[in-house]
């Protein structure tokens, strides 16, 4: 899901094609999964 979200972001007109992730605890664990 994280992969698909990032792909969607990079297709938007306001995106420069670079994505970083942030978050603590469960929000951190999903970053590793992504």
ModelCIF file with pLDDT and N, C-alpha, C, O atoms, coordinates in Angstrom:
data_MODEL
#
_entry.id   MODEL 
#
_entity.id                         1 
_entity.type                       polymer 
_entity.pdbx_number_of_molecules   1 
#
_entity_poly.entity_id                      1 
_entity_poly.type                           'polypeptide(L)' 
_entity_poly.nstd_linkage                   no 
_entity_poly.nstd_monomer                   no 
_entity_poly.pdbx_seq_one_letter_code       
;(UNK)(UNK)(UNK)(UNK)(UNK)(UNK)(UNK)(UNK)(UNK)(UNK)(UNK)(UNK)(UNK)(UNK)(UNK)(UNK)
(UNK)(UNK)(UNK)(UNK)(UNK)(UNK)(UNK)(UNK)(UNK)(UNK)(UNK)(UNK)(UNK)(UNK)(UNK)(UNK)
(UNK)(UNK)
;
_entity_poly.pdbx_seq_one_letter_code_can   XXXXXXXXXXXXXXXXXXXXXXXXXXXXXXXXXX 
_entity_poly.pdbx_strand_id                 A 
#
loop_
_entity_poly_seq.entity_id 
_entity_poly_seq.num 
_entity_poly_seq.mon_id 
_entity_poly_seq.hetero 
1 1  UNK n 
1 2  UNK n 
1 3  UNK n 
1 4  UNK n 
1 5  UNK n 
1 6  UNK n 
1 7  UNK n 
1 8  UNK n 
1 9  UNK n 
1 10 UNK n 
1 11 UNK n 
1 12 UNK n 
1 13 UNK n 
1 14 UNK n 
1 15 UNK n 
1 16 UNK n 
1 17 UNK n 
1 18 UNK n 
1 19 UNK n 
1 20 UNK n 
1 21 UNK n 
1 22 UNK n 
1 23 UNK n 
1 24 UNK n 
1 25 UNK n 
1 26 UNK n 
1 27 UNK n 
1 28 UNK n 
1 29 UNK n 
1 30 UNK n 
1 31 UNK n 
1 32 UNK n 
1 33 UNK n 
1 34 UNK n 
#
_struct_asym.id          A 
_struct_asym.entity_id   1 
#
loop_
_ma_qa_metric.id 
_ma_qa_metric.mode 
_ma_qa_metric.name 
_ma_qa_metric.software_group_id 
_ma_qa_metric.type 
1 global pLDDT . pLDDT 
2 local  pLDDT . pLDDT 
#
_ma_qa_metric_global.metric_id      1 
_ma_qa_metric_global.metric_value   96.35 
_ma_qa_metric_global.model_id       1 
_ma_qa_metric_global.ordinal_id     1 
#
loop_
_ma_qa_metric_local.label_asym_id 
_ma_qa_metric_local.label_comp_id 
_ma_qa_metric_local.label_seq_id 
_ma_qa_metric_local.metric_id 
_ma_qa_metric_local.metric_value 
_ma_qa_metric_local.model_id 
_ma_qa_metric_local.ordinal_id 
A UNK 1  2 98.00 1 1  
A UNK 2  2 98.00 1 2  
A UNK 3  2 98.00 1 3  
A UNK 4  2 98.00 1 4  
A UNK 5  2 98.00 1 5  
A UNK 6  2 98.00 1 6  
A UNK 7  2 98.00 1 7  
A UNK 8  2 98.00 1 8  
A UNK 9  2 98.00 1 9  
A UNK 10 2 98.00 1 10 
A UNK 11 2 97.00 1 11 
A UNK 12 2 96.00 1 12 
A UNK 13 2 93.00 1 13 
A UNK 14 2 94.00 1 14 
A UNK 15 2 97.00 1 15 
A UNK 16 2 96.00 1 16 
A UNK 17 2 98.00 1 17 
A UNK 18 2 98.00 1 18 
A UNK 19 2 98.00 1 19 
A UNK 20 2 98.00 1 20 
A UNK 21 2 98.00 1 21 
A UNK 22 2 97.00 1 22 
A UNK 23 2 96.00 1 23 
A UNK 24 2 94.00 1 24 
A UNK 25 2 90.00 1 25 
A UNK 26 2 91.00 1 26 
A UNK 27 2 95.00 1 27 
A UNK 28 2 95.00 1 28 
A UNK 29 2 93.00 1 29 
A UNK 30 2 96.00 1 30 
A UNK 31 2 97.00 1 31 
A UNK 32 2 96.00 1 32 
A UNK 33 2 95.00 1 33 
A UNK 34 2 98.00 1 34 
#
loop_
_atom_site.group_PDB 
_atom_site.id 
_atom_site.type_symbol 
_atom_site.label_atom_id 
_atom_site.label_alt_id 
_atom_site.label_comp_id 
_atom_site.label_asym_id 
_atom_site.label_entity_id 
_atom_site.label_seq_id 
_atom_site.pdbx_PDB_ins_code 
_atom_site.Cartn_x 
_atom_site.Cartn_y 
_atom_site.Cartn_z 
_atom_site.occupancy 
_atom_site.B_iso_or_equiv 
_atom_site.pdbx_formal_charge 
_atom_site.auth_seq_id 
_atom_site.auth_comp_id 
_atom_site.auth_asym_id 
_atom_site.auth_atom_id 
_atom_site.pdbx_PDB_model_num 
ATOM 1   N N  . UNK A 1 1  ? 0.835  -1.200 0.000   1.00 98.00 ? 1  UNK A N  1 
ATOM 2   C CA . UNK A 1 1  ? 0.000  0.000  0.000   1.00 98.00 ? 1  UNK A CA 1 
ATOM 3   C C  . UNK A 1 1  ? 0.873  1.254  0.000   1.00 98.00 ? 1  UNK A C  1 
ATOM 4   O O  . UNK A 1 1  ? 0.601  2.207  -0.731  1.00 98.00 ? 1  UNK A O  1 
ATOM 5   N N  . UNK A 1 2  ? 1.931  1.248  0.830   1.00 98.00 ? 2  UNK A N  1 
ATOM 6   C CA . UNK A 1 2  ? 2.845  2.387  0.850   1.00 98.00 ? 2  UNK A CA 1 
ATOM 7   C C  . UNK A 1 2  ? 3.483  2.629  -0.506  1.00 98.00 ? 2  UNK A C  1 
ATOM 8   O O  . UNK A 1 2  ? 3.618  3.771  -0.946  1.00 98.00 ? 2  UNK A O  1 
ATOM 9   N N  . UNK A 1 3  ? 3.877  1.542  -1.168  1.00 98.00 ? 3  UNK A N  1 
ATOM 10  C CA . UNK A 1 3  ? 4.441  1.653  -2.520  1.00 98.00 ? 3  UNK A CA 1 
ATOM 11  C C  . UNK A 1 3  ? 3.440  2.326  -3.454  1.00 98.00 ? 3  UNK A C  1 
ATOM 12  O O  . UNK A 1 3  ? 3.798  3.251  -4.183  1.00 98.00 ? 3  UNK A O  1 
ATOM 13  N N  . UNK A 1 4  ? 2.194  1.871  -3.436  1.00 98.00 ? 4  UNK A N  1 
ATOM 14  C CA . UNK A 1 4  ? 1.182  2.419  -4.338  1.00 98.00 ? 4  UNK A CA 1 
ATOM 15  C C  . UNK A 1 4  ? 0.889  3.884  -4.039  1.00 98.00 ? 4  UNK A C  1 
ATOM 16  O O  . UNK A 1 4  ? 0.671  4.676  -4.956  1.00 98.00 ? 4  UNK A O  1 
ATOM 17  N N  . UNK A 1 5  ? 0.885  4.245  -2.762  1.00 98.00 ? 5  UNK A N  1 
ATOM 18  C CA . UNK A 1 5  ? 0.660  5.648  -2.398  1.00 98.00 ? 5  UNK A CA 1 
ATOM 19  C C  . UNK A 1 5  ? 1.779  6.521  -2.945  1.00 98.00 ? 5  UNK A C  1 
ATOM 20  O O  . UNK A 1 5  ? 1.522  7.592  -3.495  1.00 98.00 ? 5  UNK A O  1 
ATOM 21  N N  . UNK A 1 6  ? 3.015  6.069  -2.799  1.00 98.00 ? 6  UNK A N  1 
ATOM 22  C CA . UNK A 1 6  ? 4.152  6.849  -3.298  1.00 98.00 ? 6  UNK A CA 1 
ATOM 23  C C  . UNK A 1 6  ? 4.080  6.990  -4.810  1.00 98.00 ? 6  UNK A C  1 
ATOM 24  O O  . UNK A 1 6  ? 4.349  8.064  -5.347  1.00 98.00 ? 6  UNK A O  1 
ATOM 25  N N  . UNK A 1 7  ? 3.719  5.913  -5.499  1.00 98.00 ? 7  UNK A N  1 
ATOM 26  C CA . UNK A 1 7  ? 3.573  6.001  -6.950  1.00 98.00 ? 7  UNK A CA 1 
ATOM 27  C C  . UNK A 1 7  ? 2.491  7.016  -7.327  1.00 98.00 ? 7  UNK A C  1 
ATOM 28  O O  . UNK A 1 7  ? 2.657  7.778  -8.280  1.00 98.00 ? 7  UNK A O  1 
ATOM 29  N N  . UNK A 1 8  ? 1.384  7.026  -6.580  1.00 98.00 ? 8  UNK A N  1 
ATOM 30  C CA . UNK A 1 8  ? 0.310  7.985  -6.849  1.00 98.00 ? 8  UNK A CA 1 
ATOM 31  C C  . UNK A 1 8  ? 0.807  9.415  -6.624  1.00 98.00 ? 8  UNK A C  1 
ATOM 32  O O  . UNK A 1 8  ? 0.525  10.303 -7.428  1.00 98.00 ? 8  UNK A O  1 
ATOM 33  N N  . UNK A 1 9  ? 1.538  9.636  -5.543  1.00 98.00 ? 9  UNK A N  1 
ATOM 34  C CA . UNK A 1 9  ? 2.041  10.985 -5.246  1.00 98.00 ? 9  UNK A CA 1 
ATOM 35  C C  . UNK A 1 9  ? 2.879  11.515 -6.398  1.00 98.00 ? 9  UNK A C  1 
ATOM 36  O O  . UNK A 1 9  ? 2.714  12.660 -6.820  1.00 98.00 ? 9  UNK A O  1 
ATOM 37  N N  . UNK A 1 10 ? 3.773  10.687 -6.902  1.00 98.00 ? 10 UNK A N  1 
ATOM 38  C CA . UNK A 1 10 ? 4.705  11.169 -7.929  1.00 98.00 ? 10 UNK A CA 1 
ATOM 39  C C  . UNK A 1 10 ? 4.018  11.479 -9.250  1.00 98.00 ? 10 UNK A C  1 
ATOM 40  O O  . UNK A 1 10 ? 4.608  12.124 -10.117 1.00 98.00 ? 10 UNK A O  1 
ATOM 41  N N  . UNK A 1 11 ? 2.790  11.032 -9.413  1.00 97.00 ? 11 UNK A N  1 
ATOM 42  C CA . UNK A 1 11 ? 2.043  11.331 -10.634 1.00 97.00 ? 11 UNK A CA 1 
ATOM 43  C C  . UNK A 1 11 ? 1.242  12.629 -10.540 1.00 97.00 ? 11 UNK A C  1 
ATOM 44  O O  . UNK A 1 11 ? 0.616  13.043 -11.515 1.00 97.00 ? 11 UNK A O  1 
ATOM 45  N N  . UNK A 1 12 ? 1.260  13.273 -9.374  1.00 96.00 ? 12 UNK A N  1 
ATOM 46  C CA . UNK A 1 12 ? 0.492  14.502 -9.199  1.00 96.00 ? 12 UNK A CA 1 
ATOM 47  C C  . UNK A 1 12 ? 1.269  15.713 -9.694  1.00 96.00 ? 12 UNK A C  1 
ATOM 48  O O  . UNK A 1 12 ? 2.499  15.734 -9.660  1.00 96.00 ? 12 UNK A O  1 
ATOM 49  N N  . UNK A 1 13 ? 0.545  16.709 -10.150 1.00 93.00 ? 13 UNK A N  1 
ATOM 50  C CA . UNK A 1 13 ? 1.185  17.887 -10.747 1.00 93.00 ? 13 UNK A CA 1 
ATOM 51  C C  . UNK A 1 13 ? 2.020  18.674 -9.744  1.00 93.00 ? 13 UNK A C  1 
ATOM 52  O O  . UNK A 1 13 ? 2.957  19.375 -10.126 1.00 93.00 ? 13 UNK A O  1 
ATOM 53  N N  . UNK A 1 14 ? 1.682  18.558 -8.456  1.00 94.00 ? 14 UNK A N  1 
ATOM 54  C CA . UNK A 1 14 ? 2.403  19.319 -7.426  1.00 94.00 ? 14 UNK A CA 1 
ATOM 55  C C  . UNK A 1 14 ? 3.618  18.578 -6.883  1.00 94.00 ? 14 UNK A C  1 
ATOM 56  O O  . UNK A 1 14 ? 4.318  19.107 -6.019  1.00 94.00 ? 14 UNK A O  1 
ATOM 57  N N  . UNK A 1 15 ? 3.885  17.375 -7.364  1.00 97.00 ? 15 UNK A N  1 
ATOM 58  C CA . UNK A 1 15 ? 5.000  16.561 -6.862  1.00 97.00 ? 15 UNK A CA 1 
ATOM 59  C C  . UNK A 1 15 ? 6.236  16.739 -7.717  1.00 97.00 ? 15 UNK A C  1 
ATOM 60  O O  . UNK A 1 15 ? 6.151  16.785 -8.944  1.00 97.00 ? 15 UNK A O  1 
ATOM 61  N N  . UNK A 1 16 ? 7.399  16.839 -7.061  1.00 96.00 ? 16 UNK A N  1 
ATOM 62  C CA . UNK A 1 16 ? 8.661  16.886 -7.812  1.00 96.00 ? 16 UNK A CA 1 
ATOM 63  C C  . UNK A 1 16 ? 9.285  15.501 -7.943  1.00 96.00 ? 16 UNK A C  1 
ATOM 64  O O  . UNK A 1 16 ? 10.415 15.362 -8.411  1.00 96.00 ? 16 UNK A O  1 
ATOM 65  N N  . UNK A 1 17 ? 8.537  14.472 -7.524  1.00 98.00 ? 17 UNK A N  1 
ATOM 66  C CA . UNK A 1 17 ? 9.005  13.104 -7.699  1.00 98.00 ? 17 UNK A CA 1 
ATOM 67  C C  . UNK A 1 17 ? 9.792  12.540 -6.536  1.00 98.00 ? 17 UNK A C  1 
ATOM 68  O O  . UNK A 1 17 ? 10.265 11.406 -6.606  1.00 98.00 ? 17 UNK A O  1 
ATOM 69  N N  . UNK A 1 18 ? 9.944  13.315 -5.455  1.00 98.00 ? 18 UNK A N  1 
ATOM 70  C CA . UNK A 1 18 ? 10.692 12.839 -4.290  1.00 98.00 ? 18 UNK A CA 1 
ATOM 71  C C  . UNK A 1 18 ? 9.753  12.719 -3.092  1.00 98.00 ? 18 UNK A C  1 
ATOM 72  O O  . UNK A 1 18 ? 9.004  13.645 -2.782  1.00 98.00 ? 18 UNK A O  1 
ATOM 73  N N  . UNK A 1 19 ? 9.804  11.561 -2.421  1.00 98.00 ? 19 UNK A N  1 
ATOM 74  C CA . UNK A 1 19 ? 8.940  11.306 -1.275  1.00 98.00 ? 19 UNK A CA 1 
ATOM 75  C C  . UNK A 1 19 ? 9.778  10.796 -0.107  1.00 98.00 ? 19 UNK A C  1 
ATOM 76  O O  . UNK A 1 19 ? 10.612 9.903  -0.266  1.00 98.00 ? 19 UNK A O  1 
ATOM 77  N N  . UNK A 1 20 ? 9.542  11.378 1.067   1.00 98.00 ? 20 UNK A N  1 
ATOM 78  C CA . UNK A 1 20 ? 10.115 10.873 2.302   1.00 98.00 ? 20 UNK A CA 1 
ATOM 79  C C  . UNK A 1 20 ? 8.982  10.488 3.237   1.00 98.00 ? 20 UNK A C  1 
ATOM 80  O O  . UNK A 1 20 ? 7.857  10.959 3.073   1.00 98.00 ? 20 UNK A O  1 
ATOM 81  N N  . UNK A 1 21 ? 9.264  9.641  4.214   1.00 98.00 ? 21 UNK A N  1 
ATOM 82  C CA . UNK A 1 21 ? 8.236  9.216  5.156   1.00 98.00 ? 21 UNK A CA 1 
ATOM 83  C C  . UNK A 1 21 ? 8.621  9.628  6.571   1.00 98.00 ? 21 UNK A C  1 
ATOM 84  O O  . UNK A 1 21 ? 9.797  9.826  6.878   1.00 98.00 ? 21 UNK A O  1 
ATOM 85  N N  . UNK A 1 22 ? 7.601  9.754  7.434   1.00 97.00 ? 22 UNK A N  1 
ATOM 86  C CA . UNK A 1 22 ? 7.822  10.205 8.819   1.00 97.00 ? 22 UNK A CA 1 
ATOM 87  C C  . UNK A 1 22 ? 6.768  9.592  9.724   1.00 97.00 ? 22 UNK A C  1 
ATOM 88  O O  . UNK A 1 22 ? 5.648  9.316  9.294   1.00 97.00 ? 22 UNK A O  1 
ATOM 89  N N  . UNK A 1 23 ? 7.139  9.380  10.988  1.00 96.00 ? 23 UNK A N  1 
ATOM 90  C CA . UNK A 1 23 ? 6.143  8.970  11.963  1.00 96.00 ? 23 UNK A CA 1 
ATOM 91  C C  . UNK A 1 23 ? 6.714  8.106  13.069  1.00 96.00 ? 23 UNK A C  1 
ATOM 92  O O  . UNK A 1 23 ? 7.719  7.423  12.871  1.00 96.00 ? 23 UNK A O  1 
ATOM 93  N N  . UNK A 1 24 ? 6.069  8.132  14.256  1.00 94.00 ? 24 UNK A N  1 
ATOM 94  C CA . UNK A 1 24 ? 6.521  7.337  15.393  1.00 94.00 ? 24 UNK A CA 1 
ATOM 95  C C  . UNK A 1 24 ? 5.733  6.046  15.565  1.00 94.00 ? 24 UNK A C  1 
ATOM 96  O O  . UNK A 1 24 ? 4.606  5.917  15.086  1.00 94.00 ? 24 UNK A O  1 
ATOM 97  N N  . UNK A 1 25 ? 6.350  5.091  16.261  1.00 90.00 ? 25 UNK A N  1 
ATOM 98  C CA . UNK A 1 25 ? 5.697  3.856  16.687  1.00 90.00 ? 25 UNK A CA 1 
ATOM 99  C C  . UNK A 1 25 ? 5.121  3.104  15.481  1.00 90.00 ? 25 UNK A C  1 
ATOM 100 O O  . UNK A 1 25 ? 5.869  2.751  14.570  1.00 90.00 ? 25 UNK A O  1 
ATOM 101 N N  . UNK A 1 26 ? 3.809  2.854  15.457  1.00 91.00 ? 26 UNK A N  1 
ATOM 102 C CA . UNK A 1 26 ? 3.211  2.139  14.324  1.00 91.00 ? 26 UNK A CA 1 
ATOM 103 C C  . UNK A 1 26 ? 3.428  2.904  13.019  1.00 91.00 ? 26 UNK A C  1 
ATOM 104 O O  . UNK A 1 26 ? 3.564  2.296  11.958  1.00 91.00 ? 26 UNK A O  1 
ATOM 105 N N  . UNK A 1 27 ? 3.461  4.227  13.095  1.00 95.00 ? 27 UNK A N  1 
ATOM 106 C CA . UNK A 1 27 ? 3.703  5.047  11.910  1.00 95.00 ? 27 UNK A CA 1 
ATOM 107 C C  . UNK A 1 27 ? 5.146  4.911  11.431  1.00 95.00 ? 27 UNK A C  1 
ATOM 108 O O  . UNK A 1 27 ? 5.456  5.210  10.278  1.00 95.00 ? 27 UNK A O  1 
ATOM 109 N N  . UNK A 1 28 ? 6.021  4.458  12.323  1.00 95.00 ? 28 UNK A N  1 
ATOM 110 C CA . UNK A 1 28 ? 7.399  4.170  11.945  1.00 95.00 ? 28 UNK A CA 1 
ATOM 111 C C  . UNK A 1 28 ? 7.544  2.781  11.370  1.00 95.00 ? 28 UNK A C  1 
ATOM 112 O O  . UNK A 1 28 ? 8.257  2.571  10.389  1.00 95.00 ? 28 UNK A O  1 
ATOM 113 N N  . UNK A 1 29 ? 6.858  1.826  11.991  1.00 93.00 ? 29 UNK A N  1 
ATOM 114 C CA . UNK A 1 29 ? 6.959  0.436  11.530  1.00 93.00 ? 29 UNK A CA 1 
ATOM 115 C C  . UNK A 1 29 ? 6.502  0.298  10.076  1.00 93.00 ? 29 UNK A C  1 
ATOM 116 O O  . UNK A 1 29 ? 7.094  -0.458 9.306   1.00 93.00 ? 29 UNK A O  1 
ATOM 117 N N  . UNK A 1 30 ? 5.458  1.024  9.706   1.00 96.00 ? 30 UNK A N  1 
ATOM 118 C CA . UNK A 1 30 ? 4.974  0.918  8.327   1.00 96.00 ? 30 UNK A CA 1 
ATOM 119 C C  . UNK A 1 30 ? 5.948  1.564  7.338   1.00 96.00 ? 30 UNK A C  1 
ATOM 120 O O  . UNK A 1 30 ? 5.921  1.250  6.148   1.00 96.00 ? 30 UNK A O  1 
ATOM 121 N N  . UNK A 1 31 ? 6.799  2.457  7.822   1.00 97.00 ? 31 UNK A N  1 
ATOM 122 C CA . UNK A 1 31 ? 7.822  3.030  6.938   1.00 97.00 ? 31 UNK A CA 1 
ATOM 123 C C  . UNK A 1 31 ? 8.817  1.954  6.504   1.00 97.00 ? 31 UNK A C  1 
ATOM 124 O O  . UNK A 1 31 ? 9.215  1.905  5.340   1.00 97.00 ? 31 UNK A O  1 
ATOM 125 N N  . UNK A 1 32 ? 9.217  1.098  7.438   1.00 96.00 ? 32 UNK A N  1 
ATOM 126 C CA . UNK A 1 32 ? 10.118 0.007  7.078   1.00 96.00 ? 32 UNK A CA 1 
ATOM 127 C C  . UNK A 1 32 ? 9.438  -0.961 6.113   1.00 96.00 ? 32 UNK A C  1 
ATOM 128 O O  . UNK A 1 32 ? 10.061 -1.449 5.170   1.00 96.00 ? 32 UNK A O  1 
ATOM 129 N N  . UNK A 1 33 ? 8.153  -1.236 6.356   1.00 95.00 ? 33 UNK A N  1 
ATOM 130 C CA . UNK A 1 33 ? 7.418  -2.136 5.470   1.00 95.00 ? 33 UNK A CA 1 
ATOM 131 C C  . UNK A 1 33 ? 7.337  -1.553 4.058   1.00 95.00 ? 33 UNK A C  1 
ATOM 132 O O  . UNK A 1 33 ? 7.436  -2.276 3.066   1.00 95.00 ? 33 UNK A O  1 
ATOM 133 N N  . UNK A 1 34 ? 7.152  -0.225 3.989   1.00 98.00 ? 34 UNK A N  1 
ATOM 134 C CA . UNK A 1 34 ? 7.108  0.445  2.687   1.00 98.00 ? 34 UNK A CA 1 
ATOM 135 C C  . UNK A 1 34 ? 8.477  0.424  2.017   1.00 98.00 ? 34 UNK A C  1 
ATOM 136 O O  . UNK A 1 34 ? 8.631  0.944  0.912   1.00 98.00 ? 34 UNK A O  1 
#
